[in-house]
Amino acid sequence: METLAEKIQKESEKMETVLKDDTHFKELKDFYEKIRKLGLNSPIGYSIPPLDTIGKRLYQKDVVDHLK
């Protein structure tokens, strides 16, 4: 069974084939390539942990506090 990411990749490749002769698409693709080479498209990182680990840490802290 195909994953969602695989489906999106396949559709993206189809659209790229359809738009390969479109000058606006070429300009946009070149722009994104320049941005990528400059390292300006880095993914956004988050400093907060996922919600499930917050509860785990708070629970562990409470357990440790009760042992004191």
PDB file of N, CA and C in Angstrom:
ATOM      1  N   MET A   1       0.845  -1.189   0.000  1.00  0.00           N
ATOM      2  CA  MET A   1       0.000   0.000   0.000  1.00  0.00           C
ATOM      3  C   MET A   1       0.888   1.248   0.000  1.00  0.00           C
ATOM      4  N   GLU A   2       0.534   2.206  -0.778  1.00  0.00           N
ATOM      5  CA  GLU A   2       1.303   3.428  -0.944  1.00  0.00           C
ATOM      6  C   GLU A   2       1.048   4.385   0.226  1.00  0.00           C
ATOM      7  N   THR A   3       2.116   4.951   0.767  1.00  0.00           N
ATOM      8  CA  THR A   3       1.963   5.911   1.858  1.00  0.00           C
ATOM      9  C   THR A   3       1.556   7.270   1.296  1.00  0.00           C
ATOM     10  N   LEU A   4       1.108   8.139   2.167  1.00  0.00           N
ATOM     11  CA  LEU A   4       0.701   9.479   1.755  1.00  0.00           C
ATOM     12  C   LEU A   4       1.890  10.227   1.141  1.00  0.00           C
ATOM     13  N   ALA A   5       3.063  10.093   1.737  1.00  0.00           N
ATOM     14  CA  ALA A   5       4.255  10.765   1.210  1.00  0.00           C
ATOM     15  C   ALA A   5       4.580  10.275  -0.193  1.00  0.00           C
ATOM     16  N   GLU A   6       4.426   8.997  -0.435  1.00  0.00           N
ATOM     17  CA  GLU A   6       4.687   8.437  -1.761  1.00  0.00           C
ATOM     18  C   GLU A   6       3.675   8.959  -2.784  1.00  0.00           C
ATOM     19  N   LYS A   7       2.411   9.064  -2.379  1.00  0.00           N
ATOM     20  CA  LYS A   7       1.375   9.593  -3.265  1.00  0.00           C
ATOM     21  C   LYS A   7       1.664  11.051  -3.629  1.00  0.00           C
ATOM     22  N   ILE A   8       2.065  11.831  -2.644  1.00  0.00           N
ATOM     23  CA  ILE A   8       2.376  13.239  -2.881  1.00  0.00           C
ATOM     24  C   ILE A   8       3.577  13.356  -3.807  1.00  0.00           C
ATOM     25  N   GLN A   9       4.596  12.534  -3.573  1.00  0.00           N
ATOM     26  CA  GLN A   9       5.783  12.551  -4.427  1.00  0.00           C
ATOM     27  C   GLN A   9       5.426  12.213  -5.867  1.00  0.00           C
ATOM     28  N   LYS A  10       4.580  11.201  -6.054  1.00  0.00           N
ATOM     29  CA  LYS A  10       4.166  10.782  -7.397  1.00  0.00           C
ATOM     30  C   LYS A  10       3.407  11.909  -8.099  1.00  0.00           C
ATOM     31  N   GLU A  11       2.474  12.552  -7.396  1.00  0.00           N
ATOM     32  CA  GLU A  11       1.702  13.644  -7.987  1.00  0.00           C
ATOM     33  C   GLU A  11       2.598  14.840  -8.301  1.00  0.00           C
ATOM     34  N   SER A  12       3.544  15.101  -7.437  1.00  0.00           N
ATOM     35  CA  SER A  12       4.486  16.191  -7.656  1.00  0.00           C
ATOM     36  C   SER A  12       5.302  15.951  -8.920  1.00  0.00           C
ATOM     37  N   GLU A  13       5.751  14.722  -9.120  1.00  0.00           N
ATOM     38  CA  GLU A  13       6.510  14.378 -10.322  1.00  0.00           C
ATOM     39  C   GLU A  13       5.649  14.505 -11.574  1.00  0.00           C
ATOM     40  N   LYS A  14       4.367  14.126 -11.474  1.00  0.00           N
ATOM     41  CA  LYS A  14       3.448  14.278 -12.612  1.00  0.00           C
ATOM     42  C   LYS A  14       3.308  15.753 -12.989  1.00  0.00           C
ATOM     43  N   MET A  15       3.105  16.602 -11.973  1.00  0.00           N
ATOM     44  CA  MET A  15       2.929  18.027 -12.233  1.00  0.00           C
ATOM     45  C   MET A  15       4.195  18.645 -12.801  1.00  0.00           C
ATOM     46  N   GLU A  16       5.351  18.199 -12.333  1.00  0.00           N
ATOM     47  CA  GLU A  16       6.611  18.718 -12.857  1.00  0.00           C
ATOM     48  C   GLU A  16       6.750  18.375 -14.338  1.00  0.00           C
ATOM     49  N   THR A  17       6.319  17.189 -14.721  1.00  0.00           N
ATOM     50  CA  THR A  17       6.356  16.787 -16.128  1.00  0.00           C
ATOM     51  C   THR A  17       5.418  17.651 -16.958  1.00  0.00           C
ATOM     52  N   VAL A  18       4.242  17.918 -16.438  1.00  0.00           N
ATOM     53  CA  VAL A  18       3.256  18.733 -17.152  1.00  0.00           C
ATOM     54  C   VAL A  18       3.752  20.173 -17.295  1.00  0.00           C
ATOM     55  N   LEU A  19       4.404  20.694 -16.254  1.00  0.00           N
ATOM     56  CA  LEU A  19       4.809  22.104 -16.240  1.00  0.00           C
ATOM     57  C   LEU A  19       6.230  22.357 -16.736  1.00  0.00           C
ATOM     58  N   LYS A  20       6.914  21.339 -17.238  1.00  0.00           N
ATOM     59  CA  LYS A  20       8.329  21.497 -17.587  1.00  0.00           C
ATOM     60  C   LYS A  20       8.584  22.568 -18.640  1.00  0.00           C
ATOM     61  N   ASP A  21       7.621  22.874 -19.494  1.00  0.00           N
ATOM     62  CA  ASP A  21       7.800  23.898 -20.522  1.00  0.00           C
ATOM     63  C   ASP A  21       7.263  25.270 -20.106  1.00  0.00           C
ATOM     64  N   ASP A  22       6.691  25.370 -18.939  1.00  0.00           N
ATOM     65  CA  ASP A  22       6.138  26.633 -18.444  1.00  0.00           C
ATOM     66  C   ASP A  22       7.286  27.509 -17.919  1.00  0.00           C
ATOM     67  N   THR A  23       7.455  28.708 -18.489  1.00  0.00           N
ATOM     68  CA  THR A  23       8.567  29.576 -18.085  1.00  0.00           C
ATOM     69  C   THR A  23       8.449  30.040 -16.636  1.00  0.00           C
ATOM     70  N   HIS A  24       7.229  30.317 -16.193  1.00  0.00           N
ATOM     71  CA  HIS A  24       7.042  30.749 -14.798  1.00  0.00           C
ATOM     72  C   HIS A  24       7.457  29.631 -13.842  1.00  0.00           C
ATOM     73  N   PHE A  25       7.102  28.410 -14.167  1.00  0.00           N
ATOM     74  CA  PHE A  25       7.477  27.266 -13.332  1.00  0.00           C
ATOM     75  C   PHE A  25       8.990  27.105 -13.304  1.00  0.00           C
ATOM     76  N   LYS A  26       9.656  27.278 -14.462  1.00  0.00           N
ATOM     77  CA  LYS A  26      11.120  27.168 -14.519  1.00  0.00           C
ATOM     78  C   LYS A  26      11.779  28.230 -13.643  1.00  0.00           C
ATOM     79  N   GLU A  27      11.266  29.466 -13.719  1.00  0.00           N
ATOM     80  CA  GLU A  27      11.815  30.550 -12.897  1.00  0.00           C
ATOM     81  C   GLU A  27      11.640  30.253 -11.414  1.00  0.00           C
ATOM     82  N   LEU A  28      10.482  29.773 -11.052  1.00  0.00           N
ATOM     83  CA  LEU A  28      10.206  29.442  -9.655  1.00  0.00           C
ATOM     84  C   LEU A  28      11.096  28.297  -9.175  1.00  0.00           C
ATOM     85  N   LYS A  29      11.261  27.297 -10.013  1.00  0.00           N
ATOM     86  CA  LYS A  29      12.113  26.163  -9.661  1.00  0.00           C
ATOM     87  C   LYS A  29      13.568  26.610  -9.498  1.00  0.00           C
ATOM     88  N   ASP A  30      14.045  27.468 -10.389  1.00  0.00           N
ATOM     89  CA  ASP A  30      15.407  28.001 -10.286  1.00  0.00           C
ATOM     90  C   ASP A  30      15.575  28.812  -9.006  1.00  0.00           C
ATOM     91  N   PHE A  31      14.545  29.604  -8.671  1.00  0.00           N
ATOM     92  CA  PHE A  31      14.583  30.391  -7.442  1.00  0.00           C
ATOM     93  C   PHE A  31      14.708  29.489  -6.214  1.00  0.00           C
ATOM     94  N   TYR A  32      13.887  28.448  -6.147  1.00  0.00           N
ATOM     95  CA  TYR A  32      13.954  27.525  -5.015  1.00  0.00           C
ATOM     96  C   TYR A  32      15.304  26.812  -4.955  1.00  0.00           C
ATOM     97  N   GLU A  33      15.864  26.507  -6.105  1.00  0.00           N
ATOM     98  CA  GLU A  33      17.172  25.850  -6.139  1.00  0.00           C
ATOM     99  C   GLU A  33      18.261  26.775  -5.584  1.00  0.00           C
ATOM    100  N   LYS A  34      18.206  28.065  -5.956  1.00  0.00           N
ATOM    101  CA  LYS A  34      19.171  29.042  -5.428  1.00  0.00           C
ATOM    102  C   LYS A  34      19.033  29.173  -3.913  1.00  0.00           C
ATOM    103  N   ILE A  35      17.798  29.244  -3.443  1.00  0.00           N
ATOM    104  CA  ILE A  35      17.540  29.358  -2.001  1.00  0.00           C
ATOM    105  C   ILE A  35      18.086  28.133  -1.269  1.00  0.00           C
ATOM    106  N   ARG A  36      17.874  26.955  -1.845  1.00  0.00           N
ATOM    107  CA  ARG A  36      18.353  25.722  -1.231  1.00  0.00           C
ATOM    108  C   ARG A  36      19.878  25.714  -1.166  1.00  0.00           C
ATOM    109  N   LYS A  37      20.533  26.126  -2.249  1.00  0.00           N
ATOM    110  CA  LYS A  37      22.001  26.158  -2.277  1.00  0.00           C
ATOM    111  C   LYS A  37      22.570  27.141  -1.267  1.00  0.00           C
ATOM    112  N   LEU A  38      21.855  28.234  -1.032  1.00  0.00           N
ATOM    113  CA  LEU A  38      22.299  29.222  -0.044  1.00  0.00           C
ATOM    114  C   LEU A  38      22.009  28.782   1.391  1.00  0.00           C
ATOM    115  N   GLY A  39      21.223  27.724   1.537  1.00  0.00           N
ATOM    116  CA  GLY A  39      20.892  27.224   2.871  1.00  0.00           C
ATOM    117  C   GLY A  39      19.828  28.036   3.582  1.00  0.00           C
ATOM    118  N   LEU A  40      19.024  28.751   2.830  1.00  0.00           N
ATOM    119  CA  LEU A  40      18.002  29.611   3.429  1.00  0.00           C
ATOM    120  C   LEU A  40      16.666  28.919   3.637  1.00  0.00           C
ATOM    121  N   ASN A  41      16.544  27.697   3.203  1.00  0.00           N
ATOM    122  CA  ASN A  41      15.263  26.993   3.342  1.00  0.00           C
ATOM    123  C   ASN A  41      15.333  25.922   4.426  1.00  0.00           C
ATOM    124  N   SER A  42      16.109  26.174   5.453  1.00  0.00           N
ATOM    125  CA  SER A  42      16.237  25.182   6.517  1.00  0.00           C
ATOM    126  C   SER A  42      14.904  25.009   7.243  1.00  0.00           C
ATOM    127  N   PRO A  43      14.614  23.786   7.658  1.00  0.00           N
ATOM    128  CA  PRO A  43      13.338  23.543   8.349  1.00  0.00           C
ATOM    129  C   PRO A  43      13.304  24.254   9.701  1.00  0.00           C
ATOM    130  N   ILE A  44      12.121  24.608  10.100  1.00  0.00           N
ATOM    131  CA  ILE A  44      11.934  25.284  11.380  1.00  0.00           C
ATOM    132  C   ILE A  44      12.044  24.248  12.491  1.00  0.00           C
ATOM    133  N   GLY A  45      12.868  24.531  13.468  1.00  0.00           N
ATOM    134  CA  GLY A  45      13.006  23.638  14.608  1.00  0.00           C
ATOM    135  C   GLY A  45      12.247  24.180  15.802  1.00  0.00           C
ATOM    136  N   TYR A  46      11.716  23.309  16.586  1.00  0.00           N
ATOM    137  CA  TYR A  46      10.979  23.711  17.773  1.00  0.00           C
ATOM    138  C   TYR A  46      11.739  23.265  19.006  1.00  0.00           C
ATOM    139  N   SER A  47      11.787  24.129  19.998  1.00  0.00           N
ATOM    140  CA  SER A  47      12.544  23.809  21.196  1.00  0.00           C
ATOM    141  C   SER A  47      11.693  23.159  22.286  1.00  0.00           C
ATOM    142  N   ILE A  48      10.379  23.113  22.089  1.00  0.00           N
ATOM    143  CA  ILE A  48       9.551  22.477  23.106  1.00  0.00           C
ATOM    144  C   ILE A  48       9.389  20.991  22.775  1.00  0.00           C
ATOM    145  N   PRO A  49       9.391  20.151  23.790  1.00  0.00           N
ATOM    146  CA  PRO A  49       9.227  18.715  23.530  1.00  0.00           C
ATOM    147  C   PRO A  49       7.780  18.383  23.166  1.00  0.00           C
ATOM    148  N   PRO A  50       7.566  17.240  22.534  1.00  0.00           N
ATOM    149  CA  PRO A  50       6.187  16.828  22.239  1.00  0.00           C
ATOM    150  C   PRO A  50       5.358  16.696  23.518  1.00  0.00           C
ATOM    151  N   LEU A  51       4.058  16.833  23.387  1.00  0.00           N
ATOM    152  CA  LEU A  51       3.184  16.837  24.566  1.00  0.00           C
ATOM    153  C   LEU A  51       3.303  15.576  25.407  1.00  0.00           C
ATOM    154  N   ASP A  52       3.464  14.429  24.785  1.00  0.00           N
ATOM    155  CA  ASP A  52       3.492  13.203  25.566  1.00  0.00           C
ATOM    156  C   ASP A  52       4.724  13.128  26.463  1.00  0.00           C
ATOM    157  N   THR A  53       5.821  13.788  26.086  1.00  0.00           N
ATOM    158  CA  THR A  53       7.001  13.747  26.948  1.00  0.00           C
ATOM    159  C   THR A  53       6.910  14.752  28.087  1.00  0.00           C
ATOM    160  N   ILE A  54       6.121  15.822  27.896  1.00  0.00           N
ATOM    161  CA  ILE A  54       5.949  16.797  28.980  1.00  0.00           C
ATOM    162  C   ILE A  54       5.257  16.112  30.158  1.00  0.00           C
ATOM    163  N   GLY A  55       4.191  15.398  29.882  1.00  0.00           N
ATOM    164  CA  GLY A  55       3.482  14.700  30.948  1.00  0.00           C
ATOM    165  C   GLY A  55       4.354  13.667  31.626  1.00  0.00           C
ATOM    166  N   LYS A  56       5.151  12.978  30.851  1.00  0.00           N
ATOM    167  CA  LYS A  56       6.040  11.961  31.409  1.00  0.00           C
ATOM    168  C   LYS A  56       7.047  12.612  32.354  1.00  0.00           C
ATOM    169  N   ARG A  57       7.629  13.735  31.932  1.00  0.00           N
ATOM    170  CA  ARG A  57       8.603  14.407  32.783  1.00  0.00           C
ATOM    171  C   ARG A  57       7.966  14.940  34.062  1.00  0.00           C
ATOM    172  N   LEU A  58       6.772  15.516  33.937  1.00  0.00           N
ATOM    173  CA  LEU A  58       6.098  16.025  35.126  1.00  0.00           C
ATOM    174  C   LEU A  58       5.755  14.882  36.072  1.00  0.00           C
ATOM    175  N   TYR A  59       5.308  13.760  35.526  1.00  0.00           N
ATOM    176  CA  TYR A  59       4.994  12.596  36.338  1.00  0.00           C
ATOM    177  C   TYR A  59       6.252  12.099  37.043  1.00  0.00           C
ATOM    178  N   GLN A  60       7.351  12.014  36.324  1.00  0.00           N
ATOM    179  CA  GLN A  60       8.598  11.544  36.923  1.00  0.00           C
ATOM    180  C   GLN A  60       9.065  12.501  38.002  1.00  0.00           C
ATOM    181  N   LYS A  61       8.904  13.801  37.791  1.00  0.00           N
ATOM    182  CA  LYS A  61       9.303  14.776  38.792  1.00  0.00           C
ATOM    183  C   LYS A  61       8.455  14.603  40.052  1.00  0.00           C
ATOM    184  N   ASP A  62       7.156  14.419  39.897  1.00  0.00           N
ATOM    185  CA  ASP A  62       6.289  14.214  41.054  1.00  0.00           C
ATOM    186  C   ASP A  62       6.675  12.956  41.815  1.00  0.00           C
ATOM    187  N   VAL A  63       6.989  11.881  41.106  1.00  0.00           N
ATOM    188  CA  VAL A  63       7.375  10.643  41.753  1.00  0.00           C
ATOM    189  C   VAL A  63       8.678  10.850  42.525  1.00  0.00           C
ATOM    190  N   VAL A  64       9.629  11.538  41.934  1.00  0.00           N
ATOM    191  CA  VAL A  64      10.906  11.795  42.598  1.00  0.00           C
ATOM    192  C   VAL A  64      10.698  12.698  43.814  1.00  0.00           C
ATOM    193  N   ASP A  65       9.846  13.718  43.686  1.00  0.00           N
ATOM    194  CA  ASP A  65       9.575  14.620  44.811  1.00  0.00           C
ATOM    195  C   ASP A  65       8.928  13.851  45.970  1.00  0.00           C
ATOM    196  N   HIS A  66       8.073  12.889  45.689  1.00  0.00           N
ATOM    197  CA  HIS A  66       7.424  12.117  46.741  1.00  0.00           C
ATOM    198  C   HIS A  66       8.395  11.178  47.442  1.00  0.00           C
ATOM    199  N   LEU A  67       9.454  10.822  46.766  1.00  0.00           N
ATOM    200  CA  LEU A  67      10.440   9.911  47.368  1.00  0.00           C
ATOM    201  C   LEU A  67      11.385  10.651  48.318  1.00  0.00           C
ATOM    202  N   LYS A  68      11.431  11.967  48.247  1.00  0.00           N
ATOM    203  CA  LYS A  68      12.341  12.744  49.104  1.00  0.00           C
ATOM    204  C   LYS A  68      11.817  12.844  50.515  1.00  0.00           C
TER     205      LYS A  68
END
